[in-house]
C-alpha cells in the first residue's frame, strides 16, 4: 500500500521527459493564510480588504468610513473585523503582530475612522464598504469587498464600477475612456511583454464615457509596462495592486 505522502505527491506532480513540474492549487487556498486570529473570514479576509483599499488609494487615508453588512455588521466587534480592516488600511498584512492594536496605530498615523452598519443590498454576507478620503478632501476611493472564506476576498466594486478581483495576483486597475480598441491596445502591450492575463473584468459608466478594466496577471508587471499603458491617450489612470 502506498503511503499518504506518496499519494499526495502523485496528486500534484506532473512528470514529463524534460522536467518535473509541480502543479497545485495555490497554497493559500489549501492551508489558509498566516494570520492573527480569530477568524480567517472575519479577520484575515477583512485585513486583506483593507490592505487592498490602501494600495489602490496609494497612501494612508486621512479619513476612513467603514460600513459593515450582513455577518460583518452582526459580529465585527467580537471577531475584530473592524480592527483588521483598519490594520489593512495601515498596510498591515494578515500576520502583522501589530494588527490587534490597529486603532492605536491609526490614531498615531492621524487616520480618522468611522464604523457603522450598512443598509440595503450587499453581494455577500461578509461585506464591507470602505470610503477613503485624503487630507485635502479632493480625492476619494469607494470600494466594496467581500470575504469569501479562508482569508480569500473578492472586490466587487471600485468607485461605482462593478468589477471582480481577488488580490491573489499582480493586478492592473485601469481607468480609461470607453473607446473602440483601448482594451486591444492594452492587451497587446501585455502580450509583447510576455504577461499572461488570468482574469479580466470590465465595466463602464455609460457608452463612450468613462470605463474601468481590471486584469489579474500571472507574472510580474514592470514599471516600463505601466508607463506604456499610461502613454495610451485614452487611459486616465493606472494602478498596480500586488499584496
C-alpha atoms as a PDB file:
ATOM      1  CA  UNK A   1       0.000   0.000   0.000  1.00  0.00           C
ATOM      2  CA  UNK A   2       1.326   3.423  -0.910  1.00  0.00           C
ATOM      3  CA  UNK A   3       1.916   5.896   1.867  1.00  0.00           C
ATOM      4  CA  UNK A   4      -0.186   9.052   2.225  1.00  0.00           C
ATOM      5  CA  UNK A   5       2.878  11.146   1.347  1.00  0.00           C
ATOM      6  CA  UNK A   6       3.385   9.274  -1.950  1.00  0.00           C
ATOM      7  CA  UNK A   7      -0.298   9.591  -2.855  1.00  0.00           C
ATOM      8  CA  UNK A   8      -0.196  13.321  -2.066  1.00  0.00           C
ATOM      9  CA  UNK A   9       2.812  13.803  -4.324  1.00  0.00           C
ATOM     10  CA  UNK A  10       1.133  11.947  -7.177  1.00  0.00           C
ATOM     11  CA  UNK A  11      -1.864  14.263  -6.919  1.00  0.00           C
ATOM     12  CA  UNK A  12       0.211  17.376  -7.562  1.00  0.00           C
ATOM     13  CA  UNK A  13       3.286  16.371  -9.552  1.00  0.00           C
ATOM     14  CA  UNK A  14       3.237  16.051 -13.325  1.00  0.00           C
ATOM     15  CA  UNK A  15       6.250  14.199 -14.730  1.00  0.00           C
ATOM     16  CA  UNK A  16       7.490  14.765 -18.282  1.00  0.00           C
ATOM     17  CA  UNK A  17      10.521  13.676 -20.254  1.00  0.00           C
ATOM     18  CA  UNK A  18      12.180  17.089 -19.976  1.00  0.00           C
ATOM     19  CA  UNK A  19      11.380  18.143 -16.436  1.00  0.00           C
ATOM     20  CA  UNK A  20       9.246  17.682 -13.361  1.00  0.00           C
ATOM     21  CA  UNK A  21       6.693  20.433 -12.911  1.00  0.00           C
ATOM     22  CA  UNK A  22       4.736  20.962  -9.712  1.00  0.00           C
ATOM     23  CA  UNK A  23       1.070  21.531 -10.461  1.00  0.00           C
ATOM     24  CA  UNK A  24      -1.034  22.614  -7.498  1.00  0.00           C
ATOM     25  CA  UNK A  25      -3.810  24.826  -6.382  1.00  0.00           C
ATOM     26  CA  UNK A  26      -2.246  27.836  -4.663  1.00  0.00           C
ATOM     27  CA  UNK A  27      -1.077  27.052  -1.127  1.00  0.00           C
ATOM     28  CA  UNK A  28      -3.100  29.973   0.257  1.00  0.00           C
ATOM     29  CA  UNK A  29      -6.351  28.260  -0.711  1.00  0.00           C
ATOM     30  CA  UNK A  30      -5.234  24.864   0.642  1.00  0.00           C
ATOM     31  CA  UNK A  31      -3.984  25.714   4.138  1.00  0.00           C
ATOM     32  CA  UNK A  32      -5.292  29.253   4.619  1.00  0.00           C
ATOM     33  CA  UNK A  33      -3.335  32.402   5.453  1.00  0.00           C
ATOM     34  CA  UNK A  34      -0.736  33.074   8.113  1.00  0.00           C
ATOM     35  CA  UNK A  35      -2.810  35.310  10.334  1.00  0.00           C
ATOM     36  CA  UNK A  36      -3.559  36.980  13.609  1.00  0.00           C
ATOM     37  CA  UNK A  37      -6.931  35.412  14.610  1.00  0.00           C
ATOM     38  CA  UNK A  38      -9.538  34.657  15.482  1.00  0.00           C
ATOM     39  CA  UNK A  39     -11.231  34.095  12.101  1.00  0.00           C
ATOM     40  CA  UNK A  40      -9.889  33.633   8.583  1.00  0.00           C
ATOM     41  CA  UNK A  41     -13.031  35.115   7.045  1.00  0.00           C
ATOM     42  CA  UNK A  42     -13.867  37.810   9.604  1.00  0.00           C
ATOM     43  CA  UNK A  43     -10.297  38.818  10.457  1.00  0.00           C
ATOM     44  CA  UNK A  44      -7.763  37.759   7.810  1.00  0.00           C
ATOM     45  CA  UNK A  45     -10.136  38.426   4.914  1.00  0.00           C
ATOM     46  CA  UNK A  46     -11.126  41.758   6.437  1.00  0.00           C
ATOM     47  CA  UNK A  47      -7.472  42.778   6.754  1.00  0.00           C
ATOM     48  CA  UNK A  48      -6.900  41.929   3.087  1.00  0.00           C
ATOM     49  CA  UNK A  49      -9.898  44.048   2.056  1.00  0.00           C
ATOM     50  CA  UNK A  50      -8.414  46.968   3.989  1.00  0.00           C
ATOM     51  CA  UNK A  51      -4.937  46.450   2.560  1.00  0.00           C
ATOM     52  CA  UNK A  52      -6.307  46.223  -0.979  1.00  0.00           C
ATOM     53  CA  UNK A  53      -8.054  49.565  -0.462  1.00  0.00           C
ATOM     54  CA  UNK A  54      -4.846  51.066   0.947  1.00  0.00           C
ATOM     55  CA  UNK A  55      -2.813  50.016  -2.095  1.00  0.00           C
ATOM     56  CA  UNK A  56      -5.413  51.344  -4.510  1.00  0.00           C
ATOM     57  CA  UNK A  57      -5.604  54.641  -2.607  1.00  0.00           C
ATOM     58  CA  UNK A  58      -1.816  54.936  -2.631  1.00  0.00           C
ATOM     59  CA  UNK A  59      -1.392  56.483   0.823  1.00  0.00           C
ATOM     60  CA  UNK A  60      -2.658  56.335   4.365  1.00  0.00           C
ATOM     61  CA  UNK A  61      -6.135  57.907   4.242  1.00  0.00           C
ATOM     62  CA  UNK A  62      -6.905  60.891   6.419  1.00  0.00           C
ATOM     63  CA  UNK A  63     -10.499  59.727   6.901  1.00  0.00           C
ATOM     64  CA  UNK A  64     -11.908  56.215   6.556  1.00  0.00           C
ATOM     65  CA  UNK A  65     -15.589  55.343   6.759  1.00  0.00           C
ATOM     66  CA  UNK A  66     -16.084  51.577   7.136  1.00  0.00           C
ATOM     67  CA  UNK A  67     -19.604  50.279   6.512  1.00  0.00           C
ATOM     68  CA  UNK A  68     -20.351  46.687   7.539  1.00  0.00           C
ATOM     69  CA  UNK A  69     -23.040  44.473   6.026  1.00  0.00           C
ATOM     70  CA  UNK A  70     -24.529  41.096   6.901  1.00  0.00           C
ATOM     71  CA  UNK A  71     -22.474  38.890   9.206  1.00  0.00           C
ATOM     72  CA  UNK A  72     -19.738  41.529   9.347  1.00  0.00           C
ATOM     73  CA  UNK A  73     -22.240  44.001  10.795  1.00  0.00           C
ATOM     74  CA  UNK A  74     -23.550  41.497  13.342  1.00  0.00           C
ATOM     75  CA  UNK A  75     -20.225  40.178  14.663  1.00  0.00           C
ATOM     76  CA  UNK A  76     -17.465  42.645  13.790  1.00  0.00           C
ATOM     77  CA  UNK A  77     -16.711  43.616  17.394  1.00  0.00           C
ATOM     78  CA  UNK A  78     -16.316  40.055  18.637  1.00  0.00           C
ATOM     79  CA  UNK A  79     -14.258  38.921  15.654  1.00  0.00           C
ATOM     80  CA  UNK A  80     -12.148  42.049  15.425  1.00  0.00           C
ATOM     81  CA  UNK A  81     -13.277  42.722  11.859  1.00  0.00           C
ATOM     82  CA  UNK A  82     -13.125  46.484  12.388  1.00  0.00           C
ATOM     83  CA  UNK A  83      -9.616  46.227  13.854  1.00  0.00           C
ATOM     84  CA  UNK A  84      -8.483  44.040  10.942  1.00  0.00           C
ATOM     85  CA  UNK A  85      -9.799  46.440   8.287  1.00  0.00           C
ATOM     86  CA  UNK A  86      -8.143  49.400   9.998  1.00  0.00           C
ATOM     87  CA  UNK A  87      -4.895  47.419  10.171  1.00  0.00           C
ATOM     88  CA  UNK A  88      -5.151  46.683   6.460  1.00  0.00           C
ATOM     89  CA  UNK A  89      -5.649  50.388   5.761  1.00  0.00           C
ATOM     90  CA  UNK A  90      -2.350  50.925   7.594  1.00  0.00           C
ATOM     91  CA  UNK A  91      -0.776  48.424   5.148  1.00  0.00           C
ATOM     92  CA  UNK A  92      -0.546  45.633   7.745  1.00  0.00           C
ATOM     93  CA  UNK A  93      -0.548  42.066   6.446  1.00  0.00           C
ATOM     94  CA  UNK A  94      -2.745  39.336   7.948  1.00  0.00           C
ATOM     95  CA  UNK A  95       0.050  38.099  10.240  1.00  0.00           C
ATOM     96  CA  UNK A  96       1.326  41.504  11.381  1.00  0.00           C
ATOM     97  CA  UNK A  97       1.792  41.381  15.190  1.00  0.00           C
ATOM     98  CA  UNK A  98       0.616  44.996  15.400  1.00  0.00           C
ATOM     99  CA  UNK A  99      -2.809  44.139  13.984  1.00  0.00           C
ATOM    100  CA  UNK A 100      -4.617  43.861  17.363  1.00  0.00           C
ATOM    101  CA  UNK A 101      -3.521  47.435  18.172  1.00  0.00           C
ATOM    102  CA  UNK A 102      -4.546  48.843  14.796  1.00  0.00           C
ATOM    103  CA  UNK A 103      -6.788  51.565  16.228  1.00  0.00           C
ATOM    104  CA  UNK A 104      -3.927  52.907  18.345  1.00  0.00           C
ATOM    105  CA  UNK A 105      -1.632  52.859  15.312  1.00  0.00           C
ATOM    106  CA  UNK A 106      -4.305  54.645  13.263  1.00  0.00           C
ATOM    107  CA  UNK A 107      -4.519  57.397  15.855  1.00  0.00           C
ATOM    108  CA  UNK A 108      -0.736  57.791  15.751  1.00  0.00           C
ATOM    109  CA  UNK A 109      -0.851  57.958  11.958  1.00  0.00           C
ATOM    110  CA  UNK A 110      -3.585  60.627  12.065  1.00  0.00           C
ATOM    111  CA  UNK A 111      -6.232  58.473  10.402  1.00  0.00           C
ATOM    112  CA  UNK A 112      -9.801  59.146  11.481  1.00  0.00           C
ATOM    113  CA  UNK A 113     -12.213  56.199  11.369  1.00  0.00           C
ATOM    114  CA  UNK A 114     -15.976  55.879  11.425  1.00  0.00           C
ATOM    115  CA  UNK A 115     -17.508  52.400  11.611  1.00  0.00           C
ATOM    116  CA  UNK A 116     -21.204  51.757  11.152  1.00  0.00           C
ATOM    117  CA  UNK A 117     -23.607  49.060   9.951  1.00  0.00           C
ATOM    118  CA  UNK A 118     -24.964  49.425   6.444  1.00  0.00           C
ATOM    119  CA  UNK A 119     -28.440  49.076   4.979  1.00  0.00           C
ATOM    120  CA  UNK A 120     -29.698  47.727   1.683  1.00  0.00           C
ATOM    121  CA  UNK A 121     -28.462  45.031  -0.657  1.00  0.00           C
ATOM    122  CA  UNK A 122     -24.966  43.573  -0.439  1.00  0.00           C
ATOM    123  CA  UNK A 123     -23.177  40.938  -2.564  1.00  0.00           C
ATOM    124  CA  UNK A 124     -22.120  38.528   0.228  1.00  0.00           C
ATOM    125  CA  UNK A 125     -22.838  38.016   3.971  1.00  0.00           C
ATOM    126  CA  UNK A 126     -19.299  39.195   4.793  1.00  0.00           C
ATOM    127  CA  UNK A 127     -19.254  42.554   3.030  1.00  0.00           C
ATOM    128  CA  UNK A 128     -17.605  45.865   3.839  1.00  0.00           C
ATOM    129  CA  UNK A 129     -17.681  49.170   2.002  1.00  0.00           C
ATOM    130  CA  UNK A 130     -14.699  51.469   2.577  1.00  0.00           C
ATOM    131  CA  UNK A 131     -14.847  55.167   1.715  1.00  0.00           C
ATOM    132  CA  UNK A 132     -11.406  56.769   1.971  1.00  0.00           C
ATOM    133  CA  UNK A 133     -10.552  60.460   1.743  1.00  0.00           C
ATOM    134  CA  UNK A 134      -7.213  62.269   1.729  1.00  0.00           C
ATOM    135  CA  UNK A 135      -6.286  65.197   3.966  1.00  0.00           C
ATOM    136  CA  UNK A 136      -7.093  67.796   1.296  1.00  0.00           C
ATOM    137  CA  UNK A 137     -10.526  66.282   0.748  1.00  0.00           C
ATOM    138  CA  UNK A 138     -10.096  66.292  -3.019  1.00  0.00           C
ATOM    139  CA  UNK A 139      -9.562  62.562  -3.582  1.00  0.00           C
ATOM    140  CA  UNK A 140     -11.841  59.699  -2.580  1.00  0.00           C
ATOM    141  CA  UNK A 141     -11.881  55.941  -3.029  1.00  0.00           C
ATOM    142  CA  UNK A 142     -15.112  53.973  -2.571  1.00  0.00           C
ATOM    143  CA  UNK A 143     -14.530  50.215  -2.594  1.00  0.00           C
ATOM    144  CA  UNK A 144     -16.762  47.239  -1.754  1.00  0.00           C
ATOM    145  CA  UNK A 145     -15.079  43.995  -0.727  1.00  0.00           C
ATOM    146  CA  UNK A 146     -16.321  40.589   0.398  1.00  0.00           C
ATOM    147  CA  UNK A 147     -14.564  37.948   2.492  1.00  0.00           C
ATOM    148  CA  UNK A 148     -15.488  34.608   0.936  1.00  0.00           C
ATOM    149  CA  UNK A 149     -13.745  32.216   3.343  1.00  0.00           C
ATOM    150  CA  UNK A 150     -10.271  31.016   4.221  1.00  0.00           C
ATOM    151  CA  UNK A 151      -8.901  34.541   4.114  1.00  0.00           C
ATOM    152  CA  UNK A 152      -9.813  34.885   0.434  1.00  0.00           C
ATOM    153  CA  UNK A 153     -11.555  38.040  -0.765  1.00  0.00           C
ATOM    154  CA  UNK A 154     -13.304  39.441  -3.794  1.00  0.00           C
ATOM    155  CA  UNK A 155     -13.521  43.134  -4.586  1.00  0.00           C
ATOM    156  CA  UNK A 156     -16.955  43.729  -6.105  1.00  0.00           C
ATOM    157  CA  UNK A 157     -16.970  47.483  -6.765  1.00  0.00           C
ATOM    158  CA  UNK A 158     -14.438  50.285  -7.187  1.00  0.00           C
ATOM    159  CA  UNK A 159     -15.717  53.876  -7.364  1.00  0.00           C
ATOM    160  CA  UNK A 160     -19.049  52.762  -8.769  1.00  0.00           C
ATOM    161  CA  UNK A 161     -17.645  50.272 -11.292  1.00  0.00           C
ATOM    162  CA  UNK A 162     -18.944  46.726 -10.849  1.00  0.00           C
ATOM    163  CA  UNK A 163     -15.861  44.574 -11.230  1.00  0.00           C
ATOM    164  CA  UNK A 164     -14.266  41.467  -9.768  1.00  0.00           C
ATOM    165  CA  UNK A 165     -10.745  40.897  -8.487  1.00  0.00           C
ATOM    166  CA  UNK A 166      -9.266  38.584  -5.874  1.00  0.00           C
ATOM    167  CA  UNK A 167      -5.981  40.363  -4.996  1.00  0.00           C
ATOM    168  CA  UNK A 168      -4.213  36.989  -5.262  1.00  0.00           C
ATOM    169  CA  UNK A 169      -2.206  38.011  -8.322  1.00  0.00           C
ATOM    170  CA  UNK A 170      -0.492  41.144  -9.647  1.00  0.00           C
ATOM    171  CA  UNK A 171      -3.472  43.184 -10.825  1.00  0.00           C
ATOM    172  CA  UNK A 172      -3.789  46.180 -13.128  1.00  0.00           C
ATOM    173  CA  UNK A 173      -6.701  48.560 -12.489  1.00  0.00           C
ATOM    174  CA  UNK A 174      -7.029  50.909 -15.458  1.00  0.00           C
ATOM    175  CA  UNK A 175      -9.469  53.808 -15.772  1.00  0.00           C
ATOM    176  CA  UNK A 176      -9.966  54.830 -19.396  1.00  0.00           C
ATOM    177  CA  UNK A 177     -12.310  56.251 -21.993  1.00  0.00           C
ATOM    178  CA  UNK A 178     -14.811  53.800 -23.446  1.00  0.00           C
ATOM    179  CA  UNK A 179     -13.450  53.915 -26.981  1.00  0.00           C
ATOM    180  CA  UNK A 180     -13.026  51.134 -29.557  1.00  0.00           C
ATOM    181  CA  UNK A 181      -9.655  49.388 -29.426  1.00  0.00           C
ATOM    182  CA  UNK A 182      -8.448  50.523 -25.990  1.00  0.00           C
ATOM    183  CA  UNK A 183      -8.632  47.047 -24.471  1.00  0.00           C
ATOM    184  CA  UNK A 184      -6.906  45.593 -27.534  1.00  0.00           C
ATOM    185  CA  UNK A 185      -4.016  48.068 -27.247  1.00  0.00           C
ATOM    186  CA  UNK A 186      -3.526  47.277 -23.551  1.00  0.00           C
ATOM    187  CA  UNK A 187      -3.670  43.513 -24.037  1.00  0.00           C
ATOM    188  CA  UNK A 188      -1.267  43.754 -26.999  1.00  0.00           C
ATOM    189  CA  UNK A 189       1.212  45.586 -24.781  1.00  0.00           C
ATOM    190  CA  UNK A 190       0.961  42.818 -22.190  1.00  0.00           C
ATOM    191  CA  UNK A 191       1.448  40.138 -24.852  1.00  0.00           C
ATOM    192  CA  UNK A 192       4.549  41.922 -26.145  1.00  0.00           C
ATOM    193  CA  UNK A 193       5.947  41.773 -22.603  1.00  0.00           C
ATOM    194  CA  UNK A 194       5.079  38.074 -22.175  1.00  0.00           C
ATOM    195  CA  UNK A 195       2.469  38.760 -19.468  1.00  0.00           C
ATOM    196  CA  UNK A 196      -0.482  36.381 -19.356  1.00  0.00           C
ATOM    197  CA  UNK A 197      -3.923  37.564 -18.204  1.00  0.00           C
ATOM    198  CA  UNK A 198      -5.537  35.111 -15.796  1.00  0.00           C
ATOM    199  CA  UNK A 199      -8.795  37.019 -15.312  1.00  0.00           C
ATOM    200  CA  UNK A 200     -10.248  40.209 -16.734  1.00  0.00           C
ATOM    201  CA  UNK A 201     -13.230  42.335 -15.742  1.00  0.00           C
ATOM    202  CA  UNK A 202     -14.593  45.448 -17.463  1.00  0.00           C
ATOM    203  CA  UNK A 203     -17.325  47.945 -16.626  1.00  0.00           C
ATOM    204  CA  UNK A 204     -18.330  51.391 -17.850  1.00  0.00           C
ATOM    205  CA  UNK A 205     -20.424  54.280 -16.578  1.00  0.00           C
ATOM    206  CA  UNK A 206     -22.049  54.839 -19.962  1.00  0.00           C
ATOM    207  CA  UNK A 207     -21.398  54.347 -23.672  1.00  0.00           C
ATOM    208  CA  UNK A 208     -18.338  56.331 -24.821  1.00  0.00           C
ATOM    209  CA  UNK A 209     -17.962  57.639 -21.271  1.00  0.00           C
ATOM    210  CA  UNK A 210     -15.572  56.518 -18.533  1.00  0.00           C
ATOM    211  CA  UNK A 211     -14.733  52.851 -18.116  1.00  0.00           C
ATOM    212  CA  UNK A 212     -12.520  50.648 -15.992  1.00  0.00           C
ATOM    213  CA  UNK A 213     -10.741  47.376 -16.720  1.00  0.00           C
ATOM    214  CA  UNK A 214      -9.167  45.013 -14.213  1.00  0.00           C
ATOM    215  CA  UNK A 215      -6.564  42.444 -15.256  1.00  0.00           C
ATOM    216  CA  UNK A 216      -5.207  39.796 -12.904  1.00  0.00           C
ATOM    217  CA  UNK A 217      -1.889  38.668 -14.367  1.00  0.00           C
ATOM    218  CA  UNK A 218       0.343  35.655 -13.873  1.00  0.00           C
ATOM    219  CA  UNK A 219       3.709  37.414 -13.968  1.00  0.00           C
ATOM    220  CA  UNK A 220       5.456  40.436 -12.574  1.00  0.00           C
ATOM    221  CA  UNK A 221       4.368  43.751 -14.070  1.00  0.00           C
ATOM    222  CA  UNK A 222       7.387  46.005 -14.509  1.00  0.00           C
ATOM    223  CA  UNK A 223       7.313  49.834 -14.306  1.00  0.00           C
ATOM    224  CA  UNK A 224       8.023  50.084 -18.034  1.00  0.00           C
ATOM    225  CA  UNK A 225       4.795  48.202 -18.764  1.00  0.00           C
ATOM    226  CA  UNK A 226       2.810  50.577 -16.556  1.00  0.00           C
ATOM    227  CA  UNK A 227       4.404  53.584 -18.289  1.00  0.00           C
ATOM    228  CA  UNK A 228       3.486  52.076 -21.631  1.00  0.00           C
ATOM    229  CA  UNK A 229      -0.152  51.757 -20.588  1.00  0.00           C
ATOM    230  CA  UNK A 230      -0.150  55.302 -19.165  1.00  0.00           C
ATOM    231  CA  UNK A 231       1.046  56.600 -22.550  1.00  0.00           C
ATOM    232  CA  UNK A 232      -2.130  55.374 -24.272  1.00  0.00           C
ATOM    233  CA  UNK A 233      -4.165  58.564 -24.961  1.00  0.00           C
ATOM    234  CA  UNK A 234      -7.467  57.092 -23.783  1.00  0.00           C
ATOM    235  CA  UNK A 235      -6.058  55.952 -20.427  1.00  0.00           C
ATOM    236  CA  UNK A 236      -6.630  58.302 -17.475  1.00  0.00           C
ATOM    237  CA  UNK A 237      -5.169  56.320 -14.563  1.00  0.00           C
ATOM    238  CA  UNK A 238      -3.265  53.086 -13.936  1.00  0.00           C
ATOM    239  CA  UNK A 239      -2.917  51.355 -10.566  1.00  0.00           C
ATOM    240  CA  UNK A 240      -0.979  48.206  -9.766  1.00  0.00           C
ATOM    241  CA  UNK A 241      -2.243  46.016  -6.931  1.00  0.00           C
ATOM    242  CA  UNK A 242       0.234  43.496  -5.562  1.00  0.00           C
ATOM    243  CA  UNK A 243      -0.359  42.333  -1.978  1.00  0.00           C
END
